[in-house]
Amino acid sequence: GKEAKTIHRLLEVKWDDEDVPVFDRNEKNPLDADAVVVDELSMVDSLLFDSLLRAVKTGCRLIMVGDSDQLPAVGPGSVLNDLIESGELPTVQLTEVFRQALCSNIVSNAHRIVAGQMPVLNYRKGDFFFISQDNPHDVSQTVLDLCSTRLPAKYGLTVMNGIQVLCPSRKGELGTREMNQKLQKLINPPSDKRREMVVEGVALRVGDKVMHIKNNYDIVWTKDNGEVGQGVFNGDIGILERVDPREGTLSVRYDDRIAVYSSQDAQDLELAYSVTVHKSQGSEFDAVILPIFNNTPMLCYRNLLYTAVTRARSLLIIVGSIKTVARMVENDRKTRRYTGLRYFLTESSGLSF
């Protein structure tokens, strides 16, 4: 098979003095490929898509895969939706739910949410559960109990291996900042036996679950088999294994690789006991816990709920308010973006695909 790569790495990115990407692969130096498959296209913004198209040679097949019901790209544009809605490209939509998936309440509820229907919340068995709470404090305490006691006892899962808390926001009592502090204190409290380094005002401690939040192609890693390479990417989650105060370095394990961070590079790390739904896009977890209660209107819409639900592979637990769930399902306002791509595709003459 072929190694999967980020688009940035595929296009052989370099960064200028203002941290703007410059791609070695372009119309003058196209990719040596007869076919390129792009997954998770909903996460690709207009600028990156433009750079990719410039690097695809004439005659190369470009196959794009994505879910238009998920959250749009962080950057500008709405590439996937514009391509589909233009009607100018051959498009296949998968609509059949296979028999195995029909047994999953996660899958059936995800389809209900997309259709604007309330998910079934009163399951007693299966893989989808809802726990109602009356205030943010009780929601928070329930999440802590699920992570530290109930799920480890019933399913053998831990926050370090299988459980991921997803929050709609970074701010507030149910945002990632506060939830990470509470979960770190509960699961990996300060200890004379565990060194730590304060990064951007947050203590990163040996044993912490951390996320890399910005593509860095220069960080060196070593595999368990001795293979050495470079590059850690936005969204990678690992465990902090070592803090070296004399060298001023951190060592983080990502599966079978250990990456070494300087104190400067460590600014691209943050605690990952909980992460935002936006940061989770493109990932899957064995068990997802989703705390939602009176979300700010900007974070109370169907696509966000659908994206969070579909991150769960085997178990999903929503903790919070039925009213908030209902508001999210009812609000089908996708993040509205005014773009010219769809108009260009439908109105320009002489185009062929």
Protein backbone atom coordinates (compact mmCIF):
# COMPACT_ATOMS: atom_id res chain seq x y z
CA GLY A 1 0.00 0.00 0.00
CA LYS A 2 0.85 3.68 -0.06
CA GLU A 3 1.66 5.71 3.03
CA ALA A 4 -1.07 8.18 3.97
CA LYS A 5 0.12 11.77 4.37
CA THR A 6 -1.27 15.13 5.34
CA ILE A 7 -1.82 17.44 2.38
CA HIS A 8 0.93 19.70 3.72
CA ARG A 9 3.44 16.87 3.77
CA LEU A 10 2.30 15.58 0.37
CA LEU A 11 2.93 19.03 -1.12
CA GLU A 12 6.34 19.22 0.64
CA VAL A 13 5.59 22.29 2.72
CA LYS A 14 8.14 24.79 3.96
CA TRP A 15 7.41 27.82 6.11
CA ASP A 16 8.51 31.38 5.43
CA ASP A 17 9.59 33.94 8.04
CA GLU A 18 5.95 34.87 8.73
CA ASP A 19 4.95 31.22 9.26
CA VAL A 20 3.06 31.10 5.95
CA PRO A 21 3.20 27.76 4.12
CA VAL A 22 5.12 27.57 0.85
CA PHE A 23 4.68 24.36 -1.14
CA ASP A 24 7.45 22.83 -3.26
CA ARG A 25 4.82 20.86 -5.17
CA ASN A 26 2.86 23.17 -7.48
CA GLU A 27 1.96 23.67 -11.14
CA LYS A 28 5.66 23.86 -12.04
CA ASN A 29 6.55 20.80 -9.99
CA PRO A 30 3.41 18.61 -9.89
CA LEU A 31 2.88 15.42 -7.96
CA ASP A 32 4.04 12.23 -9.65
CA ALA A 33 0.70 10.50 -9.19
CA ASP A 34 -1.98 9.06 -11.45
CA ALA A 35 -4.59 9.23 -8.67
CA VAL A 36 -4.88 11.21 -5.44
CA VAL A 37 -7.45 10.34 -2.75
CA VAL A 38 -8.33 13.10 -0.28
CA ASP A 39 -10.18 11.99 2.86
CA GLU A 40 -12.06 14.24 5.33
CA LEU A 41 -12.50 16.91 2.65
CA SER A 42 -14.82 18.90 4.91
CA MET A 43 -11.71 19.84 6.92
CA VAL A 44 -9.90 21.30 3.88
CA ASP A 45 -10.18 25.07 3.42
CA SER A 46 -10.12 26.99 0.14
CA LEU A 47 -6.47 28.02 0.30
CA LEU A 48 -5.19 24.50 0.91
CA PHE A 49 -7.52 23.08 -1.75
CA ASP A 50 -6.21 25.62 -4.25
CA SER A 51 -2.62 24.57 -3.47
CA LEU A 52 -3.55 20.91 -3.91
CA LEU A 53 -5.19 21.50 -7.30
CA ARG A 54 -2.14 23.40 -8.51
CA ALA A 55 0.02 20.37 -7.70
CA VAL A 56 -2.20 17.81 -9.46
CA LYS A 57 -0.99 17.15 -13.00
CA THR A 58 -3.29 16.99 -16.01
CA GLY A 59 -4.81 13.52 -16.30
CA CYS A 60 -4.49 12.68 -12.61
CA ARG A 61 -7.69 11.39 -11.01
CA LEU A 62 -8.69 13.33 -7.90
CA ILE A 63 -11.03 11.34 -5.63
CA MET A 64 -12.50 13.31 -2.74
CA VAL A 65 -14.20 11.75 0.27
CA GLY A 66 -16.02 13.60 3.02
CA ASP A 67 -19.13 14.13 5.12
CA SER A 68 -20.85 17.44 4.41
CA ASP A 69 -22.86 17.16 7.63
CA GLN A 70 -19.73 17.52 9.76
CA LEU A 71 -18.16 20.78 10.86
CA PRO A 72 -16.62 22.96 8.15
CA ALA A 73 -12.92 23.73 7.88
CA VAL A 74 -11.37 26.10 10.40
CA GLY A 75 -10.00 28.18 7.53
CA PRO A 76 -11.97 30.02 4.82
CA GLY A 77 -14.42 28.50 2.40
CA SER A 78 -16.83 25.60 2.24
CA VAL A 79 -15.10 23.44 -0.35
CA LEU A 80 -16.94 20.13 0.07
CA ASN A 81 -20.41 21.67 0.17
CA ASP A 82 -19.69 23.93 -2.79
CA LEU A 83 -18.40 21.05 -4.91
CA ILE A 84 -21.44 18.90 -4.15
CA GLU A 85 -24.05 21.65 -4.49
CA SER A 86 -22.63 22.86 -7.80
CA GLY A 87 -23.77 19.63 -9.44
CA GLU A 88 -20.81 19.88 -11.80
CA LEU A 89 -18.79 16.97 -10.44
CA PRO A 90 -19.68 13.26 -10.49
CA THR A 91 -20.87 12.58 -6.95
CA VAL A 92 -21.78 9.41 -5.07
CA GLN A 93 -23.70 9.65 -1.80
CA LEU A 94 -23.71 6.68 0.57
CA THR A 95 -27.18 6.25 2.05
CA GLU A 96 -27.49 2.56 2.95
CA VAL A 97 -27.05 1.59 6.59
CA PHE A 98 -25.59 -1.91 6.68
CA ARG A 99 -27.06 -4.61 8.87
CA GLN A 100 -24.19 -4.55 11.38
CA ALA A 101 -24.58 -0.78 11.82
CA LEU A 102 -28.33 -1.11 12.41
CA CYS A 103 -27.48 -2.78 15.72
CA SER A 104 -25.70 0.38 16.85
CA ASN A 105 -27.70 3.05 18.64
CA ILE A 106 -24.86 5.47 17.89
CA VAL A 107 -25.37 4.97 14.15
CA SER A 108 -29.17 5.10 14.27
CA ASN A 109 -29.15 8.24 16.42
CA ALA A 110 -26.58 9.89 14.16
CA HIS A 111 -28.98 9.37 11.23
CA ARG A 112 -31.85 10.81 13.29
CA ILE A 113 -29.80 13.91 14.14
CA VAL A 114 -28.88 14.53 10.48
CA ALA A 115 -32.58 14.22 9.58
CA GLY A 116 -33.51 16.81 12.23
CA GLN A 117 -35.11 14.25 14.55
CA MET A 118 -34.46 13.92 18.27
CA PRO A 119 -32.15 11.03 19.10
CA VAL A 120 -33.58 8.30 21.33
CA LEU A 121 -32.19 9.11 24.77
CA ASN A 122 -33.82 6.49 27.00
CA TYR A 123 -31.82 3.42 26.00
CA ARG A 124 -31.09 1.09 28.94
CA LYS A 125 -28.69 -1.10 27.01
CA GLY A 126 -26.43 -0.70 24.02
CA ASP A 127 -23.84 1.89 23.09
CA PHE A 128 -25.70 5.22 23.45
CA PHE A 129 -26.70 6.69 26.82
CA PHE A 130 -27.98 10.01 28.14
CA ILE A 131 -27.58 11.21 31.74
CA SER A 132 -29.76 14.19 32.62
CA GLN A 133 -28.41 16.81 35.02
CA ASP A 134 -29.86 20.12 36.16
CA ASN A 135 -26.79 22.37 36.33
CA PRO A 136 -23.22 22.63 34.98
CA HIS A 137 -21.65 21.62 38.30
CA ASP A 138 -23.53 18.32 38.39
CA VAL A 139 -22.69 17.71 34.73
CA SER A 140 -19.01 18.24 35.51
CA GLN A 141 -19.06 15.95 38.55
CA THR A 142 -20.82 13.22 36.56
CA VAL A 143 -18.16 13.41 33.84
CA LEU A 144 -15.41 13.10 36.45
CA ASP A 145 -17.13 10.08 38.02
CA LEU A 146 -17.61 8.39 34.65
CA CYS A 147 -13.94 8.88 33.76
CA SER A 148 -12.43 7.84 37.07
CA THR A 149 -14.78 5.15 38.37
CA ARG A 150 -17.80 3.98 36.41
CA LEU A 151 -16.41 3.35 32.92
CA PRO A 152 -13.14 1.79 34.14
CA ALA A 153 -15.13 -0.58 36.37
CA LYS A 154 -17.74 -1.57 33.77
CA TYR A 155 -15.80 -1.50 30.50
CA GLY A 156 -12.14 -1.61 31.52
CA LEU A 157 -11.52 1.69 29.73
CA THR A 158 -9.49 4.62 31.04
CA VAL A 159 -9.01 8.23 30.03
CA MET A 160 -5.50 7.26 28.94
CA ASN A 161 -6.75 4.36 26.84
CA GLY A 162 -10.18 4.57 25.26
CA ILE A 163 -12.17 7.36 26.94
CA GLN A 164 -12.28 10.85 25.43
CA VAL A 165 -14.24 13.81 26.78
CA LEU A 166 -15.43 16.15 24.02
CA CYS A 167 -16.57 19.67 24.85
CA PRO A 168 -18.31 22.16 22.54
CA SER A 169 -16.19 25.03 23.86
CA ARG A 170 -12.83 25.83 25.44
CA LYS A 171 -14.37 28.29 27.90
CA GLY A 172 -16.70 27.95 30.88
CA GLU A 173 -17.23 25.32 33.54
CA LEU A 174 -17.85 22.67 30.88
CA GLY A 175 -15.14 23.91 28.53
CA THR A 176 -11.89 22.07 27.88
CA ARG A 177 -9.77 24.38 30.03
CA GLU A 178 -11.65 23.75 33.26
CA MET A 179 -12.42 20.11 32.48
CA ASN A 180 -8.75 19.42 31.77
CA GLN A 181 -7.69 20.97 35.06
CA LYS A 182 -10.25 18.92 36.98
CA LEU A 183 -9.43 15.67 35.19
CA GLN A 184 -5.68 16.20 35.58
CA LYS A 185 -6.12 16.83 39.31
CA LEU A 186 -8.23 13.69 39.64
CA ILE A 187 -6.28 11.30 37.41
CA ASN A 188 -2.70 12.61 37.50
CA PRO A 189 -2.30 14.89 40.54
CA PRO A 190 0.98 16.59 41.51
CA SER A 191 3.55 14.22 42.99
CA ASP A 192 7.19 14.34 44.01
CA LYS A 193 7.64 11.27 41.80
CA ARG A 194 6.37 13.00 38.63
CA ARG A 195 8.27 15.91 37.16
CA GLU A 196 6.43 18.67 35.39
CA MET A 197 7.06 21.72 33.20
CA VAL A 198 4.86 24.80 33.14
CA VAL A 199 3.98 25.70 29.55
CA GLU A 200 1.81 28.73 28.80
CA GLY A 201 0.71 28.78 32.44
CA VAL A 202 -0.32 25.09 32.48
CA ALA A 203 1.59 22.35 34.29
CA LEU A 204 2.39 19.47 31.93
CA ARG A 205 3.22 16.51 34.14
CA VAL A 206 4.74 13.10 33.48
CA GLY A 207 1.78 10.79 32.87
CA ASP A 208 -0.45 13.50 31.39
CA LYS A 209 -2.54 12.96 28.28
CA VAL A 210 -1.54 15.68 25.81
CA MET A 211 -2.44 16.83 22.32
CA HIS A 212 -0.18 18.40 19.69
CA ILE A 213 -2.10 21.38 18.30
CA LYS A 214 -0.05 22.60 15.32
CA ASN A 215 1.69 20.75 12.49
CA ASN A 216 5.44 20.66 13.16
CA TYR A 217 7.56 18.89 10.58
CA ASP A 218 10.86 19.37 12.44
CA ILE A 219 10.25 17.57 15.74
CA VAL A 220 12.35 14.40 15.83
CA TRP A 221 10.80 11.10 16.91
CA THR A 222 12.18 7.62 17.45
CA LYS A 223 10.19 4.41 17.05
CA ASP A 224 10.55 1.49 19.44
CA ASN A 225 12.39 -0.41 16.68
CA GLY A 226 15.00 2.36 16.41
CA GLU A 227 13.64 4.02 13.27
CA VAL A 228 14.09 7.80 13.37
CA GLY A 229 11.90 10.36 11.64
CA GLN A 230 10.45 13.86 11.86
CA GLY A 231 7.03 15.44 12.16
CA VAL A 232 4.16 15.59 14.64
CA PHE A 233 0.76 16.76 13.46
CA ASN A 234 -2.19 18.78 14.64
CA GLY A 235 -4.53 16.56 16.66
CA ASP A 236 -2.00 13.84 17.56
CA ILE A 237 -2.69 12.61 21.12
CA GLY A 238 -0.03 11.02 23.30
CA ILE A 239 1.23 10.51 26.85
CA LEU A 240 3.94 12.67 28.42
CA GLU A 241 6.65 10.18 29.45
CA ARG A 242 9.61 12.30 30.52
CA VAL A 243 10.54 15.81 31.64
CA ASP A 244 14.25 16.68 31.60
CA PRO A 245 14.73 19.94 33.53
CA ARG A 246 18.45 20.16 32.73
CA GLU A 247 17.92 19.83 28.99
CA GLY A 248 14.62 21.70 29.12
CA THR A 249 12.89 18.99 27.07
CA LEU A 250 9.71 16.92 27.16
CA SER A 251 9.30 13.42 25.70
CA VAL A 252 5.84 12.37 24.49
CA ARG A 253 4.84 8.87 23.39
CA TYR A 254 2.58 8.66 20.33
CA ASP A 255 1.76 4.94 19.96
CA ASP A 256 5.12 3.37 19.00
CA ARG A 257 6.98 6.68 18.65
CA ILE A 258 8.60 8.98 21.20
CA ALA A 259 8.92 12.63 20.18
CA VAL A 260 11.27 15.01 21.99
CA TYR A 261 10.17 18.63 22.45
CA SER A 262 12.27 21.64 23.29
CA SER A 263 10.72 24.11 25.72
CA GLN A 264 9.83 26.25 22.68
CA ASP A 265 8.20 23.37 20.79
CA ALA A 266 6.32 22.40 23.96
CA GLN A 267 4.09 25.44 23.40
CA ASP A 268 2.36 23.31 20.76
CA LEU A 269 1.20 20.89 23.49
CA GLU A 270 -1.89 21.11 25.67
CA LEU A 271 -3.73 18.79 28.02
CA ALA A 272 -6.05 16.38 26.21
CA TYR A 273 -8.18 14.71 28.87
CA SER A 274 -10.87 16.77 27.17
CA VAL A 275 -10.71 18.34 23.70
CA THR A 276 -13.12 20.42 21.67
CA VAL A 277 -15.42 18.77 19.17
CA HIS A 278 -13.69 20.80 16.45
CA LYS A 279 -10.27 19.38 17.43
CA SER A 280 -11.67 15.83 17.47
CA GLN A 281 -12.86 15.95 13.86
CA GLY A 282 -11.14 13.28 11.82
CA SER A 283 -10.55 11.08 14.90
CA GLU A 284 -12.40 8.18 16.53
CA PHE A 285 -12.42 7.01 20.15
CA ASP A 286 -13.67 3.85 21.82
CA ALA A 287 -15.80 5.83 24.28
CA VAL A 288 -16.90 9.47 24.06
CA ILE A 289 -18.37 11.53 26.90
CA LEU A 290 -20.13 14.69 25.73
CA PRO A 291 -21.08 17.29 28.38
CA ILE A 292 -23.64 19.79 27.06
CA PHE A 293 -25.67 22.28 29.06
CA ASN A 294 -27.00 25.63 27.81
CA ASN A 295 -24.36 25.94 25.10
CA THR A 296 -23.72 29.44 23.80
CA PRO A 297 -25.88 29.96 20.67
CA MET A 298 -22.76 29.94 18.48
CA LEU A 299 -22.09 26.36 19.62
CA CYS A 300 -25.64 25.07 19.66
CA TYR A 301 -26.27 23.56 16.23
CA ARG A 302 -26.89 20.24 14.56
CA ASN A 303 -23.55 19.77 12.81
CA LEU A 304 -21.63 20.06 16.05
CA LEU A 305 -23.80 17.46 17.80
CA TYR A 306 -23.60 15.12 14.80
CA THR A 307 -19.82 15.45 14.60
CA ALA A 308 -19.44 14.69 18.32
CA VAL A 309 -21.74 11.65 18.19
CA THR A 310 -19.91 10.17 15.20
CA ARG A 311 -16.53 10.33 16.99
CA ALA A 312 -17.62 7.41 19.21
CA ARG A 313 -16.66 3.95 18.03
CA SER A 314 -18.23 1.75 20.74
CA LEU A 315 -19.80 3.92 23.45
CA LEU A 316 -21.32 7.41 23.66
CA ILE A 317 -22.58 9.10 26.81
CA ILE A 318 -24.18 12.54 26.68
CA VAL A 319 -24.37 14.28 30.05
CA GLY A 320 -26.50 17.38 30.44
CA SER A 321 -29.79 18.92 29.35
CA ILE A 322 -32.43 17.45 27.04
CA LYS A 323 -33.42 21.01 26.13
CA THR A 324 -29.90 21.71 24.89
CA VAL A 325 -29.91 18.51 22.82
CA ALA A 326 -33.27 19.54 21.32
CA ARG A 327 -32.01 23.04 20.47
CA MET A 328 -28.95 21.59 18.75
CA VAL A 329 -31.05 19.18 16.69
CA GLU A 330 -33.52 21.89 15.69
CA ASN A 331 -30.82 24.35 14.63
CA ASP A 332 -29.79 23.24 11.14
CA ARG A 333 -27.82 26.43 10.56
CA LYS A 334 -24.51 25.31 9.21
CA THR A 335 -21.74 27.81 9.74
CA ARG A 336 -22.84 30.14 6.98
CA ARG A 337 -20.07 31.14 4.61
CA TYR A 338 -20.24 33.31 1.54
CA THR A 339 -18.02 31.81 -1.13
CA GLY A 340 -17.55 32.09 -4.87
CA LEU A 341 -16.57 28.51 -5.67
CA ARG A 342 -20.07 27.18 -6.32
CA TYR A 343 -20.90 30.16 -8.53
CA PHE A 344 -17.63 29.75 -10.42
CA LEU A 345 -18.33 26.09 -11.10
CA THR A 346 -21.91 26.60 -12.24
CA GLU A 347 -21.53 29.84 -14.19
CA SER A 348 -18.12 29.57 -15.83
CA SER A 349 -18.12 28.26 -19.37
CA GLY A 350 -15.67 25.90 -20.96
CA LEU A 351 -15.05 23.84 -17.85
CA SER A 352 -14.65 20.10 -18.14
CA PHE A 353 -14.21 17.52 -15.39
